[in-house]
Amino acid sequence: MYYTTPNSKVGSIFGTTKDELEAPDRSSDQVLLVTIIGLMIFGCLAVYSSIAFFAQSHETTAVKLVSGHAIKLVIAFFVMVFVSKINYRVLARFSRAAMVLSWILLIIMLGYGDITWGAQRSLSIGSFSFQPTSFAAIALIVHVAVLLYEKQEYIKDFKRAFLPIMFWVVVTFLLIATEDFSSAAVLMGICILMMFAGRISIPQISALVLIGLIGGVSMIYISPERQSRIDQYVAQITEINNQDFETSEGYQAQQAHIAIAQGQLFGVGIGKSTQRDFLPAPYNDFIFAIIAEEYGIIGAATVIFAYLLILYRGVAVIARQAPDILGTLMALGCTLLISLYAFVNAGVATGLFPVTGLPMPFVSYGGSSMLFAGAMAGILLNISRHIANIKTRFYNG
């Protein structure tokens, strides 16, 4: 991932010089930028097709809802552009403060959050509503990258390196998993991969994996709803005609499968979905099923290819060629969060994973999740502005 050379910088983010903090006069990764813009535009079409029934049941129109979605996309785009102009090392300096703030917001959410679909996942301030989980996810990724970067000289030390990192990861996991287990599980997996890339020892990583598995099983055990989802997931694999498909999560999975089956190769056509009237949250959690129904396997595969391209550019290009370990780890974490959310969303619709509540970044209808996805894309674009001539540094340094 990252090749250490005499020019590679390892140390404290507060020791960065003024010249290093100045934004280089280079363009960002154009392939990544065009792919994200393409997903945003396509997302507007997908939301417009999937939100008609929801609009009717809430006494509004699809045009109004899509207009609101488009405005949020524009804001997310400008957030992405704004963050791409800020040196990622500057953002890293505020990671600890962002983590503390995210914990405060998560605790407030657990006590006073709005209940949606049976879970407290959002906070409302006047007419503004947002999900603290989205903020906590990006804050944790940046802070884990900072800790790994600063502790490289003694990265194998259990007390000085592993325990401090594990503290932030485990506490954040517990705060998020209480109401949003799927997001917490994905975030835990990303942190483990970042720790592997950051040279944490395998036995220590194995210990964190074990802690994560124990915590995950415990979270499932204490929640009848999560147990139901797991049972239904197993049932849909082992018993195709299982009667549980008529209710709850089984019903959602069944309607998603029907939508995908109706799409076949080329789809039923834009705006001609029928399953949008039966699927819960077809504009968000199950938007991939509507895409597969209207655009067919070809359209669905094109969307997956777009996220694979983001994964490739983020990991194989930006993270691999970043000028320092901090850039490598931040790029890795942001890329994985964007792409894994998309893959899990698609996996739920196709029956590969149990039903979860993860949106498809830049495509699903949403607010705060879209803004923070834009922020993560901005971080990637900023890091990409620093990679010119890095190959020469790696191999000739």
Protein backbone atom coordinates (compact mmCIF):
# COMPACT_ATOMS: atom_id res chain seq x y z
CA MET A 1 0.00 0.00 0.00
CA TYR A 2 2.53 2.58 1.14
CA TYR A 3 6.26 2.31 0.48
CA THR A 4 8.45 3.87 3.17
CA THR A 5 11.36 5.90 1.78
CA PRO A 6 13.71 8.51 3.23
CA ASN A 7 11.20 11.13 2.10
CA SER A 8 8.22 9.47 3.78
CA LYS A 9 6.94 11.53 6.68
CA VAL A 10 5.96 9.88 9.94
CA GLY A 11 5.25 11.81 13.12
CA SER A 12 2.81 14.30 14.54
CA ILE A 13 0.29 16.14 12.39
CA PHE A 14 1.02 19.25 14.48
CA GLY A 15 4.60 19.25 13.23
CA THR A 16 3.55 19.86 9.63
CA THR A 17 5.20 22.90 8.07
CA LYS A 18 3.32 25.81 6.52
CA ASP A 19 4.54 24.85 3.03
CA GLU A 20 3.19 21.34 3.45
CA LEU A 21 -0.22 22.70 4.45
CA GLU A 22 -0.54 24.87 1.36
CA ALA A 23 -2.77 23.35 -1.32
CA PRO A 24 -0.75 22.28 -4.37
CA ASP A 25 -1.60 23.85 -7.70
CA ARG A 26 -2.73 20.58 -9.25
CA SER A 27 -6.05 19.19 -10.38
CA SER A 28 -7.90 16.50 -8.44
CA ASP A 29 -8.52 12.98 -9.71
CA GLN A 30 -10.80 13.65 -12.68
CA VAL A 31 -11.95 10.06 -13.06
CA LEU A 32 -13.13 9.97 -9.46
CA LEU A 33 -14.83 13.37 -9.78
CA VAL A 34 -16.69 12.48 -12.98
CA THR A 35 -17.80 9.13 -11.53
CA ILE A 36 -19.26 10.78 -8.43
CA ILE A 37 -21.04 13.46 -10.47
CA GLY A 38 -22.46 10.72 -12.72
CA LEU A 39 -23.80 8.85 -9.69
CA MET A 40 -25.40 12.03 -8.37
CA ILE A 41 -27.20 12.68 -11.66
CA PHE A 42 -28.30 9.08 -11.97
CA GLY A 43 -29.46 9.17 -8.35
CA CYS A 44 -31.89 11.97 -9.14
CA LEU A 45 -33.49 9.83 -11.87
CA ALA A 46 -33.65 6.78 -9.61
CA VAL A 47 -35.18 8.74 -6.73
CA TYR A 48 -37.76 10.32 -9.03
CA SER A 49 -38.81 6.86 -10.25
CA SER A 50 -38.99 5.31 -6.79
CA ILE A 51 -40.56 8.03 -4.66
CA ALA A 52 -43.95 8.50 -6.38
CA PHE A 53 -45.93 6.23 -4.03
CA PHE A 54 -44.26 7.73 -0.96
CA ALA A 55 -45.13 11.23 -2.18
CA GLN A 56 -48.76 10.28 -2.76
CA SER A 57 -49.12 8.73 0.69
CA HIS A 58 -47.67 11.90 2.28
CA GLU A 59 -49.89 14.26 0.30
CA THR A 60 -47.11 15.83 -1.74
CA THR A 61 -45.66 15.31 -5.20
CA ALA A 62 -42.65 13.43 -6.51
CA VAL A 63 -41.42 16.63 -8.16
CA LYS A 64 -41.25 18.45 -4.82
CA LEU A 65 -39.41 15.59 -3.13
CA VAL A 66 -36.97 15.17 -6.00
CA SER A 67 -36.40 18.93 -6.08
CA GLY A 68 -35.48 18.76 -2.41
CA HIS A 69 -33.22 15.81 -3.15
CA ALA A 70 -31.55 17.75 -5.98
CA ILE A 71 -30.92 20.71 -3.67
CA LYS A 72 -29.27 18.40 -1.15
CA LEU A 73 -27.15 16.93 -3.94
CA VAL A 74 -26.03 20.41 -4.97
CA ILE A 75 -25.13 21.20 -1.35
CA ALA A 76 -23.24 17.87 -1.11
CA PHE A 77 -21.39 18.76 -4.32
CA PHE A 78 -20.29 22.12 -2.94
CA VAL A 79 -19.30 20.44 0.34
CA MET A 80 -17.16 18.05 -1.71
CA VAL A 81 -15.56 20.93 -3.62
CA PHE A 82 -14.99 22.95 -0.42
CA VAL A 83 -13.38 20.03 1.46
CA SER A 84 -11.24 19.19 -1.58
CA LYS A 85 -9.63 22.63 -1.21
CA ILE A 86 -8.63 22.02 2.43
CA ASN A 87 -5.37 20.18 2.98
CA TYR A 88 -6.17 16.80 4.52
CA ARG A 89 -3.45 17.38 7.14
CA VAL A 90 -5.40 20.41 8.36
CA LEU A 91 -8.56 18.32 8.72
CA ALA A 92 -6.57 15.69 10.60
CA ARG A 93 -5.67 18.21 13.29
CA PHE A 94 -9.32 18.41 14.38
CA SER A 95 -9.94 14.65 14.48
CA ARG A 96 -9.93 14.32 18.28
CA ALA A 97 -12.31 17.24 18.74
CA ALA A 98 -14.56 15.78 16.04
CA MET A 99 -14.58 12.43 17.84
CA VAL A 100 -15.58 14.00 21.16
CA LEU A 101 -18.34 15.98 19.45
CA SER A 102 -19.59 12.87 17.66
CA TRP A 103 -19.80 10.99 20.97
CA ILE A 104 -21.81 13.81 22.50
CA LEU A 105 -24.21 13.82 19.54
CA LEU A 106 -24.58 10.03 19.62
CA ILE A 107 -25.38 10.07 23.35
CA ILE A 108 -27.96 12.82 22.84
CA MET A 109 -29.43 10.84 19.95
CA LEU A 110 -29.82 7.75 22.14
CA GLY A 111 -31.74 9.78 24.69
CA TYR A 112 -33.70 12.24 22.58
CA GLY A 113 -33.41 11.08 18.99
CA ASP A 114 -36.27 10.82 16.50
CA ILE A 115 -37.70 7.34 16.03
CA THR A 116 -37.81 6.24 12.39
CA TRP A 117 -38.60 2.67 11.33
CA GLY A 118 -38.42 1.61 14.98
CA ALA A 119 -34.94 3.04 15.70
CA GLN A 120 -33.52 6.30 17.05
CA ARG A 121 -31.09 7.31 14.32
CA SER A 122 -31.56 11.05 13.84
CA LEU A 123 -31.63 14.33 15.75
CA SER A 124 -33.85 17.29 14.94
CA ILE A 125 -32.95 20.91 15.57
CA GLY A 126 -35.96 22.92 14.49
CA SER A 127 -36.77 21.86 10.93
CA PHE A 128 -33.25 20.50 10.38
CA SER A 129 -32.70 16.76 10.92
CA PHE A 130 -29.45 14.84 10.65
CA GLN A 131 -27.91 11.49 11.58
CA PRO A 132 -24.98 11.71 14.02
CA THR A 133 -23.84 8.27 12.85
CA SER A 134 -22.70 9.73 9.52
CA PHE A 135 -20.58 12.35 11.29
CA ALA A 136 -19.20 9.79 13.76
CA ALA A 137 -18.17 7.47 10.92
CA ILE A 138 -16.03 10.02 9.10
CA ALA A 139 -14.63 11.38 12.37
CA LEU A 140 -13.55 7.88 13.45
CA ILE A 141 -11.92 7.09 10.11
CA VAL A 142 -9.87 10.28 10.18
CA HIS A 143 -8.92 9.86 13.85
CA VAL A 144 -7.85 6.22 13.44
CA ALA A 145 -5.71 7.32 10.47
CA VAL A 146 -4.14 10.06 12.63
CA LEU A 147 -3.41 7.68 15.52
CA LEU A 148 -1.87 5.08 13.22
CA TYR A 149 0.25 7.79 11.59
CA GLU A 150 1.50 9.26 14.86
CA LYS A 151 2.32 5.88 16.42
CA GLN A 152 4.31 4.36 13.54
CA GLU A 153 7.59 4.39 15.47
CA TYR A 154 6.13 2.05 18.10
CA ILE A 155 3.15 0.67 16.18
CA LYS A 156 3.67 -2.88 17.50
CA ASP A 157 3.49 -1.76 21.13
CA PHE A 158 0.28 -3.04 22.72
CA LYS A 159 -0.10 -0.37 25.40
CA ARG A 160 1.16 2.67 23.52
CA ALA A 161 -0.39 1.97 20.12
CA PHE A 162 -3.07 -0.71 20.06
CA LEU A 163 -4.98 0.11 23.25
CA PRO A 164 -5.46 3.84 22.53
CA ILE A 165 -6.72 3.07 19.01
CA MET A 166 -8.97 0.27 20.23
CA PHE A 167 -10.48 2.60 22.86
CA TRP A 168 -11.81 5.02 20.23
CA VAL A 169 -12.98 2.24 17.91
CA VAL A 170 -14.78 0.13 20.51
CA VAL A 171 -16.57 3.01 22.25
CA THR A 172 -17.76 4.42 18.93
CA PHE A 173 -18.90 0.96 17.83
CA LEU A 174 -20.98 0.52 20.99
CA LEU A 175 -22.59 3.96 20.70
CA ILE A 176 -23.55 3.42 17.06
CA ALA A 177 -24.50 -0.26 17.29
CA THR A 178 -27.16 0.39 19.91
CA GLU A 179 -29.48 1.76 17.23
CA ASP A 180 -27.64 1.13 13.95
CA PHE A 181 -25.84 -2.20 14.08
CA SER A 182 -25.22 -2.51 10.34
CA SER A 183 -23.38 0.84 10.16
CA ALA A 184 -21.35 -0.06 13.25
CA ALA A 185 -20.38 -3.44 11.79
CA VAL A 186 -19.21 -1.93 8.49
CA LEU A 187 -17.29 0.78 10.34
CA MET A 188 -15.60 -1.77 12.58
CA GLY A 189 -14.52 -3.79 9.53
CA ILE A 190 -13.06 -0.69 7.88
CA CYS A 191 -11.11 0.23 11.02
CA ILE A 192 -9.66 -3.28 11.16
CA LEU A 193 -8.53 -3.02 7.54
CA MET A 194 -6.98 0.39 8.25
CA MET A 195 -5.13 -1.06 11.24
CA PHE A 196 -3.83 -3.88 9.04
CA ALA A 197 -2.59 -1.36 6.47
CA GLY A 198 -1.11 0.71 9.31
CA ARG A 199 1.07 -2.26 10.42
CA ILE A 200 -0.71 -3.16 13.66
CA SER A 201 0.39 -6.70 14.53
CA ILE A 202 -1.79 -9.61 13.40
CA PRO A 203 -2.33 -11.00 16.95
CA GLN A 204 -3.59 -7.59 18.10
CA ILE A 205 -5.88 -7.25 15.08
CA SER A 206 -7.15 -10.77 15.76
CA ALA A 207 -8.00 -9.71 19.30
CA LEU A 208 -10.00 -6.76 17.96
CA VAL A 209 -11.80 -9.05 15.49
CA LEU A 210 -12.71 -11.35 18.38
CA ILE A 211 -13.97 -8.42 20.43
CA GLY A 212 -16.02 -7.25 17.44
CA LEU A 213 -17.55 -10.70 16.94
CA ILE A 214 -18.45 -11.01 20.61
CA GLY A 215 -19.94 -7.53 20.61
CA GLY A 216 -21.83 -8.20 17.39
CA VAL A 217 -23.32 -11.46 18.62
CA SER A 218 -24.31 -9.77 21.89
CA MET A 219 -26.02 -6.92 20.04
CA ILE A 220 -27.98 -9.41 17.95
CA TYR A 221 -28.87 -11.55 20.96
CA ILE A 222 -30.39 -8.67 22.96
CA SER A 223 -32.47 -7.41 20.03
CA PRO A 224 -35.50 -9.46 18.90
CA GLU A 225 -35.69 -7.38 15.73
CA ARG A 226 -32.10 -8.21 14.75
CA GLN A 227 -32.69 -11.88 15.58
CA SER A 228 -35.73 -11.80 13.30
CA ARG A 229 -33.68 -10.39 10.44
CA ILE A 230 -31.00 -13.04 10.82
CA ASP A 231 -33.59 -15.83 11.08
CA GLN A 232 -35.34 -14.52 7.98
CA TYR A 233 -32.07 -14.28 6.09
CA VAL A 234 -31.26 -17.91 6.90
CA ALA A 235 -34.81 -18.92 5.99
CA GLN A 236 -34.70 -17.27 2.57
CA ILE A 237 -31.51 -19.21 1.78
CA THR A 238 -32.64 -22.61 3.08
CA GLU A 239 -36.38 -22.47 2.36
CA ILE A 240 -37.38 -20.76 -0.87
CA ASN A 241 -41.12 -21.06 -0.14
CA ASN A 242 -40.87 -20.07 3.48
CA GLN A 243 -44.14 -18.51 4.69
CA ASP A 244 -42.28 -15.87 6.65
CA PHE A 245 -41.79 -14.02 3.37
CA GLU A 246 -45.30 -12.66 3.80
CA THR A 247 -44.37 -10.43 6.74
CA SER A 248 -41.71 -8.05 8.07
CA GLU A 249 -38.18 -8.36 6.66
CA GLY A 250 -39.20 -11.39 4.60
CA TYR A 251 -41.74 -9.25 2.78
CA GLN A 252 -39.12 -6.60 1.99
CA ALA A 253 -36.70 -9.18 0.60
CA GLN A 254 -39.42 -10.82 -1.45
CA GLN A 255 -40.55 -7.57 -3.07
CA ALA A 256 -36.94 -6.65 -3.86
CA HIS A 257 -36.40 -10.01 -5.54
CA ILE A 258 -39.57 -9.54 -7.59
CA ALA A 259 -38.35 -6.11 -8.73
CA ILE A 260 -34.98 -7.50 -9.84
CA ALA A 261 -36.62 -10.45 -11.61
CA GLN A 262 -38.98 -8.16 -13.52
CA GLY A 263 -36.09 -6.03 -14.73
CA GLN A 264 -34.42 -8.91 -16.56
CA LEU A 265 -31.62 -7.73 -18.90
CA PHE A 266 -32.74 -4.30 -20.12
CA GLY A 267 -35.37 -3.31 -17.51
CA VAL A 268 -39.01 -2.30 -17.76
CA GLY A 269 -38.18 1.33 -18.56
CA ILE A 270 -37.57 4.57 -16.68
CA GLY A 271 -40.47 5.43 -14.37
CA LYS A 272 -42.31 2.16 -15.03
CA SER A 273 -41.50 0.35 -11.79
CA THR A 274 -44.39 -1.45 -10.11
CA GLN A 275 -42.56 -2.67 -7.00
CA ARG A 276 -42.00 0.89 -5.78
CA ASP A 277 -45.61 0.69 -4.56
CA PHE A 278 -44.83 -2.35 -2.41
CA LEU A 279 -41.25 -1.92 -1.23
CA PRO A 280 -40.69 0.02 2.00
CA ALA A 281 -38.18 2.85 1.45
CA PRO A 282 -37.62 2.10 -2.27
CA TYR A 283 -35.99 5.53 -2.57
CA ASN A 284 -33.35 4.70 0.05
CA ASP A 285 -32.65 1.24 1.48
CA PHE A 286 -33.98 -0.63 -1.57
CA ILE A 287 -33.20 1.82 -4.34
CA PHE A 288 -30.92 -0.73 -6.02
CA ALA A 289 -33.91 -3.02 -6.53
CA ILE A 290 -35.78 -0.23 -8.35
CA ILE A 291 -32.68 0.45 -10.46
CA ALA A 292 -32.50 -3.23 -11.41
CA GLU A 293 -36.22 -3.27 -12.25
CA GLU A 294 -36.21 -0.16 -14.45
CA TYR A 295 -32.73 -0.40 -16.00
CA GLY A 296 -32.26 -4.17 -15.91
CA ILE A 297 -29.10 -6.11 -15.20
CA ILE A 298 -27.15 -3.81 -17.51
CA GLY A 299 -28.15 -0.69 -15.57
CA ALA A 300 -27.55 -2.33 -12.19
CA ALA A 301 -24.15 -3.61 -13.33
CA THR A 302 -23.23 -0.13 -14.53
CA VAL A 303 -23.93 1.30 -11.07
CA ILE A 304 -21.84 -1.42 -9.42
CA PHE A 305 -19.04 -0.74 -11.91
CA ALA A 306 -19.11 2.95 -10.91
CA TYR A 307 -18.51 2.04 -7.26
CA LEU A 308 -15.81 -0.45 -8.26
CA LEU A 309 -14.15 2.40 -10.15
CA ILE A 310 -14.32 4.57 -7.01
CA LEU A 311 -12.82 1.68 -5.03
CA TYR A 312 -10.02 1.27 -7.57
CA ARG A 313 -9.18 4.97 -7.84
CA GLY A 314 -9.38 5.46 -4.08
CA VAL A 315 -7.25 2.47 -3.08
CA ALA A 316 -4.99 1.56 -6.01
CA VAL A 317 -4.28 5.13 -7.12
CA ILE A 318 -4.90 7.74 -4.40
CA ALA A 319 -4.13 5.70 -1.26
CA ARG A 320 -1.20 3.88 -2.85
CA GLN A 321 0.41 7.06 -4.18
CA ALA A 322 -0.36 9.35 -1.23
CA PRO A 323 2.62 11.43 -0.06
CA ASP A 324 2.53 10.07 3.49
CA ILE A 325 1.00 7.34 5.62
CA LEU A 326 -1.66 9.71 6.90
CA GLY A 327 -2.91 10.33 3.36
CA THR A 328 -2.79 6.62 2.58
CA LEU A 329 -4.89 5.65 5.58
CA MET A 330 -7.40 8.49 5.23
CA ALA A 331 -7.89 7.67 1.54
CA LEU A 332 -8.27 3.98 2.32
CA GLY A 333 -10.87 4.56 5.03
CA CYS A 334 -12.96 7.07 3.06
CA THR A 335 -12.92 4.91 -0.06
CA LEU A 336 -13.97 1.79 1.80
CA LEU A 337 -16.81 3.57 3.60
CA ILE A 338 -18.28 4.90 0.34
CA SER A 339 -17.91 1.69 -1.62
CA LEU A 340 -18.87 -0.78 1.12
CA TYR A 341 -22.07 1.12 1.90
CA ALA A 342 -22.99 0.81 -1.78
CA PHE A 343 -22.12 -2.88 -1.99
CA VAL A 344 -24.06 -3.71 1.18
CA ASN A 345 -27.09 -1.77 -0.13
CA ALA A 346 -26.96 -3.77 -3.37
CA GLY A 347 -26.33 -7.00 -1.45
CA VAL A 348 -29.45 -6.49 0.67
CA ALA A 349 -31.60 -5.95 -2.42
CA THR A 350 -30.25 -9.09 -4.09
CA GLY A 351 -30.51 -11.23 -0.96
CA LEU A 352 -26.78 -11.59 -0.30
CA PHE A 353 -27.07 -9.86 3.09
CA PRO A 354 -29.78 -9.55 5.76
CA VAL A 355 -32.00 -6.48 5.58
CA THR A 356 -30.16 -3.39 6.85
CA GLY A 357 -30.67 0.36 6.69
CA LEU A 358 -27.58 1.44 4.77
CA PRO A 359 -28.07 3.96 1.93
CA MET A 360 -26.31 3.89 -1.43
CA PRO A 361 -23.99 6.95 -1.36
CA PHE A 362 -24.81 9.69 -3.90
CA VAL A 363 -27.81 7.68 -5.18
CA SER A 364 -30.21 7.08 -2.29
CA TYR A 365 -32.59 9.78 -1.08
CA GLY A 366 -31.15 11.39 2.01
CA GLY A 367 -29.67 14.40 3.73
CA SER A 368 -26.85 14.11 6.26
CA SER A 369 -25.53 10.84 4.83
CA MET A 370 -25.22 12.51 1.43
CA LEU A 371 -23.44 15.55 2.86
CA PHE A 372 -20.87 13.44 4.70
CA ALA A 373 -20.39 11.24 1.63
CA GLY A 374 -19.58 14.47 -0.20
CA ALA A 375 -17.11 15.38 2.54
CA MET A 376 -15.37 12.01 2.24
CA ALA A 377 -15.18 12.39 -1.53
CA GLY A 378 -13.68 15.85 -0.94
CA ILE A 379 -10.97 14.35 1.26
CA LEU A 380 -10.14 11.84 -1.48
CA LEU A 381 -9.97 14.58 -4.10
CA ASN A 382 -7.70 16.67 -1.87
CA ILE A 383 -5.30 13.81 -1.27
CA SER A 384 -5.24 13.14 -5.02
CA ARG A 385 -3.96 16.70 -5.54
CA HIS A 386 -0.78 15.75 -3.69
CA ILE A 387 0.21 12.63 -5.64
CA ALA A 388 1.94 14.16 -8.67
CA ASN A 389 5.44 12.70 -9.14
CA ILE A 390 5.01 10.49 -6.08
CA LYS A 391 5.93 7.37 -8.08
CA THR A 392 9.39 8.82 -8.66
CA ARG A 393 9.72 9.49 -4.94
CA PHE A 394 8.72 5.93 -4.07
CA TYR A 395 11.08 4.16 -6.39
CA ASN A 396 13.97 6.61 -6.62
CA GLY A 397 13.89 8.00 -3.08
